[in-house]
PDB file of N, CA and C in Angstrom:
ATOM      1  N   UNK A   1      14.031   2.445  15.586  1.00  0.00           N
ATOM      2  CA  UNK A   1      13.924   0.971  15.100  1.00  0.00           C
ATOM      3  C   UNK A   1      12.778   0.872  13.726  1.00  0.00           C
ATOM      4  N   UNK A   2      13.116   0.387  12.698  1.00  0.00           N
ATOM      5  CA  UNK A   2      12.139   0.168  11.502  1.00  0.00           C
ATOM      6  C   UNK A   2      11.557  -1.137  11.425  1.00  0.00           C
ATOM      7  N   UNK A   3      10.766  -1.458  10.675  1.00  0.00           N
ATOM      8  CA  UNK A   3       9.977  -2.470  10.408  1.00  0.00           C
ATOM      9  C   UNK A   3       9.738  -2.783   8.832  1.00  0.00           C
ATOM     10  N   UNK A   4       9.390  -3.996   8.360  1.00  0.00           N
ATOM     11  CA  UNK A   4       8.725  -4.057   7.266  1.00  0.00           C
ATOM     12  C   UNK A   4       7.250  -3.874   7.175  1.00  0.00           C
ATOM     13  N   UNK A   5       6.661  -3.145   6.381  1.00  0.00           N
ATOM     14  CA  UNK A   5       5.419  -3.077   6.327  1.00  0.00           C
ATOM     15  C   UNK A   5       4.664  -3.515   5.079  1.00  0.00           C
ATOM     16  N   UNK A   6       3.528  -4.189   5.029  1.00  0.00           N
ATOM     17  CA  UNK A   6       2.857  -4.600   3.696  1.00  0.00           C
ATOM     18  C   UNK A   6       1.975  -3.290   3.305  1.00  0.00           C
ATOM     19  N   UNK A   7       2.149  -3.045   2.071  1.00  0.00           N
ATOM     20  CA  UNK A   7       1.247  -2.069   1.265  1.00  0.00           C
ATOM     21  C   UNK A   7       0.716  -2.714  -0.107  1.00  0.00           C
ATOM     22  N   UNK A   8      -0.141  -2.051  -0.513  1.00  0.00           N
ATOM     23  CA  UNK A   8      -0.957  -2.317  -1.817  1.00  0.00           C
ATOM     24  C   UNK A   8      -0.600  -1.259  -2.759  1.00  0.00           C
ATOM     25  N   UNK A   9      -0.575  -1.705  -3.977  1.00  0.00           N
ATOM     26  CA  UNK A   9      -0.650  -0.518  -4.948  1.00  0.00           C
ATOM     27  C   UNK A   9      -1.352  -1.023  -6.249  1.00  0.00           C
ATOM     28  N   UNK A  10      -1.905  -0.136  -7.097  1.00  0.00           N
ATOM     29  CA  UNK A  10      -2.667  -0.560  -8.453  1.00  0.00           C
ATOM     30  C   UNK A  10      -1.872  -0.591  -9.617  1.00  0.00           C
ATOM     31  N   UNK A  11      -1.619  -1.674 -10.320  1.00  0.00           N
ATOM     32  CA  UNK A  11      -0.908  -1.678 -11.648  1.00  0.00           C
ATOM     33  C   UNK A  11      -1.858  -1.728 -12.785  1.00  0.00           C
ATOM     34  N   UNK A  12      -1.678  -1.205 -14.013  1.00  0.00           N
ATOM     35  CA  UNK A  12      -2.291  -1.354 -15.148  1.00  0.00           C
ATOM     36  C   UNK A  12      -1.646  -2.746 -15.814  1.00  0.00           C
ATOM     37  N   UNK A  13      -2.194  -2.975 -17.033  1.00  0.00           N
ATOM     38  CA  UNK A  13      -1.645  -4.123 -17.841  1.00  0.00           C
ATOM     39  C   UNK A  13      -0.337  -4.015 -18.484  1.00  0.00           C
ATOM     40  N   UNK A  14       0.219  -2.838 -18.377  1.00  0.00           N
ATOM     41  CA  UNK A  14       1.450  -2.735 -18.916  1.00  0.00           C
ATOM     42  C   UNK A  14       2.498  -2.460 -17.797  1.00  0.00           C
ATOM     43  N   UNK A  15       2.221  -2.539 -16.461  1.00  0.00           N
ATOM     44  CA  UNK A  15       3.021  -2.502 -15.342  1.00  0.00           C
ATOM     45  C   UNK A  15       3.312  -1.101 -14.861  1.00  0.00           C
ATOM     46  N   UNK A  16       2.278   0.033 -15.182  1.00  0.00           N
ATOM     47  CA  UNK A  16       2.671   1.311 -14.571  1.00  0.00           C
ATOM     48  C   UNK A  16       1.600   1.316 -13.455  1.00  0.00           C
ATOM     49  N   UNK A  17       2.074   1.975 -12.580  1.00  0.00           N
ATOM     50  CA  UNK A  17       1.506   1.987 -11.105  1.00  0.00           C
ATOM     51  C   UNK A  17       0.659   3.545 -11.250  1.00  0.00           C
ATOM     52  N   UNK A  18      -0.402   3.387 -10.488  1.00  0.00           N
ATOM     53  CA  UNK A  18      -1.349   4.434 -10.170  1.00  0.00           C
ATOM     54  C   UNK A  18      -0.652   5.455  -9.274  1.00  0.00           C
ATOM     55  N   UNK A  19      -0.652   6.717  -9.435  1.00  0.00           N
ATOM     56  CA  UNK A  19       0.171   7.595  -8.630  1.00  0.00           C
ATOM     57  C   UNK A  19      -0.876   8.194  -7.667  1.00  0.00           C
ATOM     58  N   UNK A  20      -0.577   9.029  -6.655  1.00  0.00           N
ATOM     59  CA  UNK A  20      -1.568   9.807  -5.741  1.00  0.00           C
ATOM     60  C   UNK A  20      -2.331  10.766  -6.501  1.00  0.00           C
ATOM     61  N   UNK A  21      -1.628  11.358  -7.608  1.00  0.00           N
ATOM     62  CA  UNK A  21      -2.401  12.331  -8.637  1.00  0.00           C
ATOM     63  C   UNK A  21      -3.481  11.793  -9.313  1.00  0.00           C
ATOM     64  N   UNK A  22      -3.519  10.347  -9.743  1.00  0.00           N
ATOM     65  CA  UNK A  22      -4.348   9.616 -10.246  1.00  0.00           C
ATOM     66  C   UNK A  22      -3.935   9.479 -11.798  1.00  0.00           C
ATOM     67  N   UNK A  23      -2.727   9.640 -11.867  1.00  0.00           N
ATOM     68  CA  UNK A  23      -2.132   9.356 -13.216  1.00  0.00           C
ATOM     69  C   UNK A  23      -1.269   7.778 -13.108  1.00  0.00           C
ATOM     70  N   UNK A  24      -1.024   7.203 -14.295  1.00  0.00           N
ATOM     71  CA  UNK A  24      -0.109   6.227 -14.407  1.00  0.00           C
ATOM     72  C   UNK A  24       1.395   6.431 -14.735  1.00  0.00           C
ATOM     73  N   UNK A  25       2.140   5.635 -13.789  1.00  0.00           N
ATOM     74  CA  UNK A  25       3.509   5.991 -14.118  1.00  0.00           C
ATOM     75  C   UNK A  25       4.389   4.791 -14.009  1.00  0.00           C
ATOM     76  N   UNK A  26       5.464   4.716 -14.784  1.00  0.00           N
ATOM     77  CA  UNK A  26       6.413   3.600 -14.865  1.00  0.00           C
ATOM     78  C   UNK A  26       7.189   3.532 -13.525  1.00  0.00           C
ATOM     79  N   UNK A  27       7.272   4.635 -12.651  1.00  0.00           N
ATOM     80  CA  UNK A  27       8.206   5.006 -11.557  1.00  0.00           C
ATOM     81  C   UNK A  27       7.523   4.559 -10.499  1.00  0.00           C
ATOM     82  N   UNK A  28       7.815   3.215 -10.011  1.00  0.00           N
ATOM     83  CA  UNK A  28       7.202   2.681  -8.893  1.00  0.00           C
ATOM     84  C   UNK A  28       7.358   3.468  -7.483  1.00  0.00           C
ATOM     85  N   UNK A  29       8.263   4.302  -7.356  1.00  0.00           N
ATOM     86  CA  UNK A  29       8.634   5.305  -6.358  1.00  0.00           C
ATOM     87  C   UNK A  29       7.349   6.114  -6.119  1.00  0.00           C
ATOM     88  N   UNK A  30       6.694   6.368  -7.270  1.00  0.00           N
ATOM     89  CA  UNK A  30       5.663   7.228  -7.352  1.00  0.00           C
ATOM     90  C   UNK A  30       4.182   6.598  -6.905  1.00  0.00           C
ATOM     91  N   UNK A  31       3.998   5.437  -6.770  1.00  0.00           N
ATOM     92  CA  UNK A  31       2.941   4.675  -6.692  1.00  0.00           C
ATOM     93  C   UNK A  31       2.201   5.180  -5.400  1.00  0.00           C
ATOM     94  N   UNK A  32       0.751   5.242  -5.517  1.00  0.00           N
ATOM     95  CA  UNK A  32       0.007   5.626  -4.372  1.00  0.00           C
ATOM     96  C   UNK A  32       0.015   4.045  -3.643  1.00  0.00           C
ATOM     97  N   UNK A  33       0.060   4.164  -2.149  1.00  0.00           N
ATOM     98  CA  UNK A  33       0.174   3.226  -1.377  1.00  0.00           C
ATOM     99  C   UNK A  33      -1.106   3.149  -0.770  1.00  0.00           C
ATOM    100  N   UNK A  34      -1.596   1.879  -0.445  1.00  0.00           N
ATOM    101  CA  UNK A  34      -2.864   1.658   0.205  1.00  0.00           C
ATOM    102  C   UNK A  34      -2.259   0.645   1.471  1.00  0.00           C
ATOM    103  N   UNK A  35      -2.776   1.260   2.411  1.00  0.00           N
ATOM    104  CA  UNK A  35      -2.608   0.250   3.625  1.00  0.00           C
ATOM    105  C   UNK A  35      -3.342  -0.819   3.886  1.00  0.00           C
ATOM    106  N   UNK A  36      -4.742  -0.971   3.353  1.00  0.00           N
ATOM    107  CA  UNK A  36      -5.674  -1.861   3.424  1.00  0.00           C
ATOM    108  C   UNK A  36      -5.860  -2.246   2.156  1.00  0.00           C
ATOM    109  N   UNK A  37      -5.860  -3.779   1.939  1.00  0.00           N
ATOM    110  CA  UNK A  37      -6.045  -4.304   0.706  1.00  0.00           C
ATOM    111  C   UNK A  37      -7.527  -3.934   0.114  1.00  0.00           C
ATOM    112  N   UNK A  38      -8.331  -3.975   1.071  1.00  0.00           N
ATOM    113  CA  UNK A  38      -9.882  -3.711   0.522  1.00  0.00           C
ATOM    114  C   UNK A  38      -9.904  -2.118  -0.012  1.00  0.00           C
ATOM    115  N   UNK A  39      -9.412  -1.225   0.443  1.00  0.00           N
ATOM    116  CA  UNK A  39      -9.231   0.121  -0.092  1.00  0.00           C
ATOM    117  C   UNK A  39      -8.820  -0.063  -1.658  1.00  0.00           C
ATOM    118  N   UNK A  40      -7.590  -0.784  -1.629  1.00  0.00           N
ATOM    119  CA  UNK A  40      -7.053  -0.723  -2.986  1.00  0.00           C
ATOM    120  C   UNK A  40      -8.196  -1.470  -3.945  1.00  0.00           C
ATOM    121  N   UNK A  41      -8.534  -2.486  -3.593  1.00  0.00           N
ATOM    122  CA  UNK A  41      -9.551  -3.371  -4.434  1.00  0.00           C
ATOM    123  C   UNK A  41     -10.711  -2.296  -4.900  1.00  0.00           C
ATOM    124  N   UNK A  42     -11.233  -1.472  -3.857  1.00  0.00           N
ATOM    125  CA  UNK A  42     -12.459  -0.623  -4.023  1.00  0.00           C
ATOM    126  C   UNK A  42     -11.955   0.541  -5.082  1.00  0.00           C
ATOM    127  N   UNK A  43     -10.808   0.783  -5.252  1.00  0.00           N
ATOM    128  CA  UNK A  43     -10.271   2.120  -6.071  1.00  0.00           C
ATOM    129  C   UNK A  43     -10.047   1.129  -7.403  1.00  0.00           C
ATOM    130  N   UNK A  44      -9.555   0.118  -7.455  1.00  0.00           N
ATOM    131  CA  UNK A  44      -9.352  -0.707  -8.585  1.00  0.00           C
ATOM    132  C   UNK A  44     -10.527  -0.780  -9.317  1.00  0.00           C
ATOM    133  N   UNK A  45     -11.634  -1.188  -8.793  1.00  0.00           N
ATOM    134  CA  UNK A  45     -13.054  -1.535  -9.298  1.00  0.00           C
ATOM    135  C   UNK A  45     -13.509  -0.167 -10.422  1.00  0.00           C
ATOM    136  N   UNK A  46     -12.995   1.145 -10.067  1.00  0.00           N
ATOM    137  CA  UNK A  46     -13.103   2.067 -10.985  1.00  0.00           C
ATOM    138  C   UNK A  46     -12.011   2.200 -12.309  1.00  0.00           C
ATOM    139  N   UNK A  47     -11.039   1.344 -12.288  1.00  0.00           N
ATOM    140  CA  UNK A  47     -10.000   1.434 -13.224  1.00  0.00           C
ATOM    141  C   UNK A  47      -9.791   0.242 -13.965  1.00  0.00           C
ATOM    142  N   UNK A  48     -10.561  -0.056 -15.181  1.00  0.00           N
ATOM    143  CA  UNK A  48     -10.699  -1.185 -15.796  1.00  0.00           C
ATOM    144  C   UNK A  48      -9.171  -1.646 -16.362  1.00  0.00           C
ATOM    145  N   UNK A  49      -9.025  -2.992 -16.301  1.00  0.00           N
ATOM    146  CA  UNK A  49      -7.663  -3.431 -16.633  1.00  0.00           C
ATOM    147  C   UNK A  49      -6.567  -3.267 -15.706  1.00  0.00           C
ATOM    148  N   UNK A  50      -6.971  -3.202 -14.460  1.00  0.00           N
ATOM    149  CA  UNK A  50      -5.935  -2.965 -13.613  1.00  0.00           C
ATOM    150  C   UNK A  50      -6.189  -4.039 -12.621  1.00  0.00           C
ATOM    151  N   UNK A  51      -4.856  -4.108 -11.860  1.00  0.00           N
ATOM    152  CA  UNK A  51      -4.827  -5.217 -10.578  1.00  0.00           C
ATOM    153  C   UNK A  51      -4.195  -4.822  -9.419  1.00  0.00           C
ATOM    154  N   UNK A  52      -4.563  -5.164  -8.309  1.00  0.00           N
ATOM    155  CA  UNK A  52      -3.974  -4.689  -7.023  1.00  0.00           C
ATOM    156  C   UNK A  52      -2.811  -5.692  -6.708  1.00  0.00           C
ATOM    157  N   UNK A  53      -1.712  -5.082  -6.500  1.00  0.00           N
ATOM    158  CA  UNK A  53      -0.477  -5.869  -6.017  1.00  0.00           C
ATOM    159  C   UNK A  53       0.251  -5.424  -4.815  1.00  0.00           C
ATOM    160  N   UNK A  54       0.372  -6.522  -4.123  1.00  0.00           N
ATOM    161  CA  UNK A  54       1.132  -6.419  -2.612  1.00  0.00           C
ATOM    162  C   UNK A  54       2.405  -6.241  -2.751  1.00  0.00           C
ATOM    163  N   UNK A  55       3.206  -5.396  -1.839  1.00  0.00           N
ATOM    164  CA  UNK A  55       4.281  -5.449  -1.805  1.00  0.00           C
ATOM    165  C   UNK A  55       4.899  -4.999  -0.440  1.00  0.00           C
ATOM    166  N   UNK A  56       6.161  -5.208  -0.056  1.00  0.00           N
ATOM    167  CA  UNK A  56       6.508  -4.631   1.281  1.00  0.00           C
ATOM    168  C   UNK A  56       7.619  -3.730   1.110  1.00  0.00           C
ATOM    169  N   UNK A  57       7.654  -2.931   2.169  1.00  0.00           N
ATOM    170  CA  UNK A  57       8.740  -1.866   2.037  1.00  0.00           C
ATOM    171  C   UNK A  57       9.176  -1.602   3.491  1.00  0.00           C
ATOM    172  N   UNK A  58      10.508  -0.917   3.705  1.00  0.00           N
ATOM    173  CA  UNK A  58      11.101  -0.743   4.962  1.00  0.00           C
ATOM    174  C   UNK A  58      10.297   0.452   5.418  1.00  0.00           C
ATOM    175  N   UNK A  59       9.951   0.614   6.718  1.00  0.00           N
ATOM    176  CA  UNK A  59       9.169   1.875   7.308  1.00  0.00           C
ATOM    177  C   UNK A  59      10.040   2.159   8.720  1.00  0.00           C
ATOM    178  N   UNK A  60      10.381   3.319   8.696  1.00  0.00           N
ATOM    179  CA  UNK A  60      10.837   3.875   9.969  1.00  0.00           C
ATOM    180  C   UNK A  60      10.075   3.805  10.984  1.00  0.00           C
ATOM    181  N   UNK A  61       8.781   4.028  10.935  1.00  0.00           N
ATOM    182  CA  UNK A  61       7.717   4.049  12.037  1.00  0.00           C
ATOM    183  C   UNK A  61       6.608   3.037  11.400  1.00  0.00           C
ATOM    184  N   UNK A  62       6.355   2.182  12.337  1.00  0.00           N
ATOM    185  CA  UNK A  62       5.379   0.990  11.920  1.00  0.00           C
ATOM    186  C   UNK A  62       4.077   1.810  12.042  1.00  0.00           C
ATOM    187  N   UNK A  63       2.822   0.919  11.407  1.00  0.00           N
ATOM    188  CA  UNK A  63       1.644   1.432  11.212  1.00  0.00           C
ATOM    189  C   UNK A  63       1.076   1.943  12.791  1.00  0.00           C
ATOM    190  N   UNK A  64       0.138   2.829  12.816  1.00  0.00           N
ATOM    191  CA  UNK A  64      -0.393   2.940  14.093  1.00  0.00           C
ATOM    192  C   UNK A  64      -1.185   1.878  14.527  1.00  0.00           C
ATOM    193  N   UNK A  65      -2.001   0.926  13.696  1.00  0.00           N
ATOM    194  CA  UNK A  65      -2.531  -0.188  14.372  1.00  0.00           C
ATOM    195  C   UNK A  65      -1.737  -1.278  14.881  1.00  0.00           C
ATOM    196  N   UNK A  66      -0.383  -1.249  14.217  1.00  0.00           N
ATOM    197  CA  UNK A  66       0.660  -2.332  14.617  1.00  0.00           C
ATOM    198  C   UNK A  66       1.331  -1.919  15.897  1.00  0.00           C
ATOM    199  N   UNK A  67       1.388  -0.623  15.979  1.00  0.00           N
ATOM    200  CA  UNK A  67       1.944   0.003  17.321  1.00  0.00           C
ATOM    201  C   UNK A  67       1.105  -0.061  18.288  1.00  0.00           C
ATOM    202  N   UNK A  68      -0.397   0.193  18.182  1.00  0.00           N
ATOM    203  CA  UNK A  68      -1.143  -0.040  19.428  1.00  0.00           C
ATOM    204  C   UNK A  68      -1.321  -1.406  19.823  1.00  0.00           C
ATOM    205  N   UNK A  69      -1.349  -2.300  18.644  1.00  0.00           N
ATOM    206  CA  UNK A  69      -1.320  -3.768  19.069  1.00  0.00           C
ATOM    207  C   UNK A  69      -0.081  -4.095  19.899  1.00  0.00           C
ATOM    208  N   UNK A  70       1.103  -3.615  19.538  1.00  0.00           N
ATOM    209  CA  UNK A  70       2.167  -3.736  20.281  1.00  0.00           C
ATOM    210  C   UNK A  70       2.103  -3.412  21.721  1.00  0.00           C
ATOM    211  N   UNK A  71       1.535  -2.012  21.902  1.00  0.00           N
ATOM    212  CA  UNK A  71       1.534  -1.474  23.027  1.00  0.00           C
ATOM    213  C   UNK A  71       0.475  -2.325  24.134  1.00  0.00           C
ATOM    214  N   UNK A  72      -0.547  -2.915  23.649  1.00  0.00           N
ATOM    215  CA  UNK A  72      -1.485  -3.804  24.262  1.00  0.00           C
ATOM    216  C   UNK A  72      -0.873  -4.960  24.684  1.00  0.00           C
ATOM    217  N   UNK A  73       0.011  -5.561  23.806  1.00  0.00           N
ATOM    218  CA  UNK A  73       0.497  -6.805  24.330  1.00  0.00           C
ATOM    219  C   UNK A  73       1.610  -6.545  25.303  1.00  0.00           C
ATOM    220  N   UNK A  74       2.512  -5.324  25.271  1.00  0.00           N
ATOM    221  CA  UNK A  74       3.265  -5.224  26.471  1.00  0.00           C
ATOM    222  C   UNK A  74       2.607  -4.656  27.711  1.00  0.00           C
ATOM    223  N   UNK A  75       1.390  -4.184  27.543  1.00  0.00           N
ATOM    224  CA  UNK A  75       0.834  -3.902  28.927  1.00  0.00           C
ATOM    225  C   UNK A  75       0.273  -5.106  29.461  1.00  0.00           C
ATOM    226  N   UNK A  76      -0.074  -6.254  28.896  1.00  0.00           N
ATOM    227  CA  UNK A  76      -0.645  -7.327  29.224  1.00  0.00           C
ATOM    228  C   UNK A  76       0.070  -8.234  30.229  1.00  0.00           C
TER     229      UNK A  76
END
């Protein structure tokens, strides 16, 4: 059972995304994904002219935090 997850990516002023390798690419599928907005903001601080963008994508497995929360609610 999959779910939608929220992620964050860093984009430059021309719409390229930061990749895991530290380069910018027009291929959004290559974007480095951040689970935490604060982590993306901290990385963005080192890259002048960039912004943090939020997006959602389908995930086969939910985040561990969300899964733990679900299990806690189910146990209550």
